[in-house]
Amino acid sequence: MSKDIELKIEGMTCGHCEMSVTKELSKLPGAMDVKVSSQTGTASLSVDDSVDQAQVLAAVEEAGYKLS
């Protein structure tokens, strides 16, 4: 099974920001349909049920951003 995740991310301002966050979130197990928007400061994706909040937070922080 997979679960849908919606995130608010602080500090994204451009396409490069979107690419960085997309790259890190895509590394999560079973990540699908990763969509990141610097205009709205949001990200959405589907992941395996085995993925927890700490892993999502770590991926966003690895890209250099924080959840709001």
N, C-alpha and C. Protein backbone atom coordinates (compact mmCIF):
# COMPACT_ATOMS: atom_id res chain seq x y z
N MET A 1 0.84 -1.18 0.00
CA MET A 1 0.00 0.00 0.00
C MET A 1 0.88 1.25 0.00
N SER A 2 0.32 2.32 -0.48
CA SER A 2 1.05 3.59 -0.47
C SER A 2 0.20 4.64 0.22
N LYS A 3 0.86 5.71 0.63
CA LYS A 3 0.13 6.81 1.25
C LYS A 3 0.51 8.11 0.57
N ASP A 4 -0.45 9.03 0.52
CA ASP A 4 -0.23 10.34 -0.08
C ASP A 4 0.23 11.31 0.99
N ILE A 5 1.21 12.14 0.64
CA ILE A 5 1.76 13.12 1.57
C ILE A 5 1.72 14.50 0.93
N GLU A 6 1.26 15.48 1.70
CA GLU A 6 1.26 16.88 1.29
C GLU A 6 2.17 17.64 2.25
N LEU A 7 3.08 18.46 1.72
CA LEU A 7 4.04 19.17 2.55
C LEU A 7 4.03 20.67 2.24
N LYS A 8 4.27 21.48 3.27
CA LYS A 8 4.54 22.91 3.11
C LYS A 8 6.03 23.06 3.40
N ILE A 9 6.76 23.65 2.46
CA ILE A 9 8.22 23.75 2.57
C ILE A 9 8.62 25.22 2.54
N GLU A 10 9.45 25.62 3.51
CA GLU A 10 9.92 27.00 3.60
C GLU A 10 11.16 27.23 2.75
N GLY A 11 11.24 28.39 2.13
CA GLY A 11 12.47 28.84 1.50
C GLY A 11 12.69 28.53 0.04
N MET A 12 11.78 27.82 -0.60
CA MET A 12 11.96 27.54 -2.03
C MET A 12 11.61 28.79 -2.83
N THR A 13 12.48 29.16 -3.77
CA THR A 13 12.25 30.38 -4.54
C THR A 13 12.36 30.21 -6.05
N CYS A 14 12.85 29.05 -6.51
CA CYS A 14 13.10 28.93 -7.95
C CYS A 14 13.04 27.48 -8.42
N GLY A 15 13.25 27.30 -9.70
CA GLY A 15 13.25 25.97 -10.30
C GLY A 15 14.34 25.07 -9.75
N HIS A 16 15.49 25.65 -9.42
CA HIS A 16 16.58 24.86 -8.84
C HIS A 16 16.15 24.30 -7.49
N CYS A 17 15.45 25.11 -6.71
CA CYS A 17 14.93 24.66 -5.42
C CYS A 17 14.00 23.46 -5.63
N GLU A 18 13.11 23.58 -6.59
CA GLU A 18 12.18 22.50 -6.90
C GLU A 18 12.93 21.22 -7.26
N MET A 19 13.95 21.35 -8.10
CA MET A 19 14.72 20.17 -8.52
C MET A 19 15.43 19.51 -7.34
N SER A 20 15.99 20.30 -6.45
CA SER A 20 16.69 19.75 -5.29
C SER A 20 15.75 18.96 -4.39
N VAL A 21 14.59 19.53 -4.10
CA VAL A 21 13.61 18.86 -3.24
C VAL A 21 13.06 17.62 -3.94
N THR A 22 12.75 17.74 -5.23
CA THR A 22 12.24 16.61 -6.00
C THR A 22 13.23 15.46 -5.98
N LYS A 23 14.50 15.76 -6.18
CA LYS A 23 15.54 14.74 -6.19
C LYS A 23 15.59 13.97 -4.87
N GLU A 24 15.57 14.69 -3.76
CA GLU A 24 15.66 14.03 -2.45
C GLU A 24 14.39 13.25 -2.11
N LEU A 25 13.22 13.82 -2.39
CA LEU A 25 11.97 13.10 -2.10
C LEU A 25 11.83 11.86 -2.98
N SER A 26 12.35 11.92 -4.19
CA SER A 26 12.27 10.78 -5.10
C SER A 26 13.09 9.60 -4.63
N LYS A 27 14.05 9.83 -3.74
CA LYS A 27 14.88 8.76 -3.20
C LYS A 27 14.16 7.92 -2.14
N LEU A 28 13.03 8.42 -1.63
CA LEU A 28 12.30 7.68 -0.60
C LEU A 28 11.74 6.39 -1.19
N PRO A 29 11.65 5.33 -0.36
CA PRO A 29 11.16 4.03 -0.87
C PRO A 29 9.78 4.14 -1.49
N GLY A 30 9.69 3.69 -2.72
CA GLY A 30 8.41 3.66 -3.41
C GLY A 30 7.85 5.03 -3.76
N ALA A 31 8.67 6.07 -3.76
CA ALA A 31 8.18 7.41 -4.07
C ALA A 31 7.64 7.46 -5.49
N MET A 32 6.43 8.03 -5.62
CA MET A 32 5.78 8.16 -6.92
C MET A 32 5.11 9.52 -6.99
N ASP A 33 4.89 10.00 -8.17
CA ASP A 33 4.13 11.22 -8.41
C ASP A 33 4.63 12.40 -7.57
N VAL A 34 5.95 12.58 -7.51
CA VAL A 34 6.52 13.69 -6.75
C VAL A 34 6.30 14.98 -7.53
N LYS A 35 5.62 15.94 -6.90
CA LYS A 35 5.35 17.24 -7.51
C LYS A 35 5.75 18.31 -6.51
N VAL A 36 6.63 19.21 -6.92
CA VAL A 36 7.12 20.27 -6.04
C VAL A 36 6.90 21.61 -6.74
N SER A 37 6.40 22.59 -5.99
CA SER A 37 6.17 23.93 -6.54
C SER A 37 6.80 24.98 -5.64
N SER A 38 7.75 25.73 -6.20
CA SER A 38 8.34 26.82 -5.44
C SER A 38 7.36 28.00 -5.34
N GLN A 39 6.45 28.12 -6.29
CA GLN A 39 5.47 29.21 -6.27
C GLN A 39 4.52 29.09 -5.08
N THR A 40 4.09 27.87 -4.78
CA THR A 40 3.16 27.67 -3.68
C THR A 40 3.86 27.19 -2.41
N GLY A 41 5.13 26.81 -2.53
CA GLY A 41 5.87 26.30 -1.38
C GLY A 41 5.37 24.96 -0.90
N THR A 42 4.94 24.13 -1.87
CA THR A 42 4.37 22.84 -1.51
C THR A 42 5.03 21.70 -2.26
N ALA A 43 4.83 20.51 -1.70
CA ALA A 43 5.24 19.28 -2.37
C ALA A 43 4.18 18.23 -2.09
N SER A 44 3.95 17.36 -3.04
CA SER A 44 3.05 16.23 -2.84
C SER A 44 3.69 15.00 -3.46
N LEU A 45 3.44 13.86 -2.84
CA LEU A 45 3.98 12.60 -3.34
C LEU A 45 3.26 11.44 -2.69
N SER A 46 3.46 10.27 -3.26
CA SER A 46 2.98 9.02 -2.69
C SER A 46 4.21 8.19 -2.37
N VAL A 47 4.17 7.50 -1.21
CA VAL A 47 5.29 6.66 -0.78
C VAL A 47 4.76 5.36 -0.21
N ASP A 48 5.65 4.38 -0.08
CA ASP A 48 5.30 3.12 0.58
C ASP A 48 4.88 3.39 2.01
N ASP A 49 4.04 2.52 2.56
CA ASP A 49 3.61 2.65 3.95
C ASP A 49 4.77 2.58 4.93
N SER A 50 5.89 2.01 4.50
CA SER A 50 7.04 1.86 5.39
C SER A 50 7.76 3.18 5.67
N VAL A 51 7.46 4.23 4.88
CA VAL A 51 8.11 5.53 5.05
C VAL A 51 7.42 6.29 6.18
N ASP A 52 8.23 6.83 7.12
CA ASP A 52 7.66 7.60 8.22
C ASP A 52 8.00 9.08 8.08
N GLN A 53 7.44 9.88 8.98
CA GLN A 53 7.63 11.34 8.93
C GLN A 53 9.09 11.73 9.03
N ALA A 54 9.86 11.02 9.84
CA ALA A 54 11.27 11.35 10.02
C ALA A 54 12.03 11.23 8.70
N GLN A 55 11.70 10.23 7.90
CA GLN A 55 12.37 10.05 6.61
C GLN A 55 12.03 11.18 5.65
N VAL A 56 10.78 11.61 5.66
CA VAL A 56 10.35 12.71 4.79
C VAL A 56 11.05 14.00 5.22
N LEU A 57 11.06 14.26 6.52
CA LEU A 57 11.74 15.44 7.05
C LEU A 57 13.22 15.43 6.69
N ALA A 58 13.87 14.27 6.83
CA ALA A 58 15.29 14.16 6.50
C ALA A 58 15.54 14.44 5.02
N ALA A 59 14.65 13.99 4.15
CA ALA A 59 14.82 14.23 2.71
C ALA A 59 14.71 15.72 2.40
N VAL A 60 13.76 16.40 3.01
CA VAL A 60 13.59 17.83 2.79
C VAL A 60 14.81 18.59 3.32
N GLU A 61 15.28 18.20 4.50
CA GLU A 61 16.47 18.86 5.09
C GLU A 61 17.72 18.57 4.28
N GLU A 62 17.84 17.39 3.70
CA GLU A 62 18.99 17.05 2.86
C GLU A 62 19.03 17.96 1.63
N ALA A 63 17.86 18.38 1.17
CA ALA A 63 17.79 19.30 0.03
C ALA A 63 18.08 20.74 0.46
N GLY A 64 18.15 20.98 1.79
CA GLY A 64 18.49 22.31 2.28
C GLY A 64 17.29 23.16 2.70
N TYR A 65 16.15 22.52 2.97
CA TYR A 65 14.94 23.26 3.32
C TYR A 65 14.31 22.70 4.59
N LYS A 66 13.28 23.40 5.08
CA LYS A 66 12.56 22.98 6.29
C LYS A 66 11.08 22.90 5.99
N LEU A 67 10.41 21.98 6.69
CA LEU A 67 8.96 21.94 6.60
C LEU A 67 8.40 23.10 7.42
N SER A 68 7.31 23.67 6.96
CA SER A 68 6.71 24.75 7.74
C SER A 68 5.44 24.26 8.42
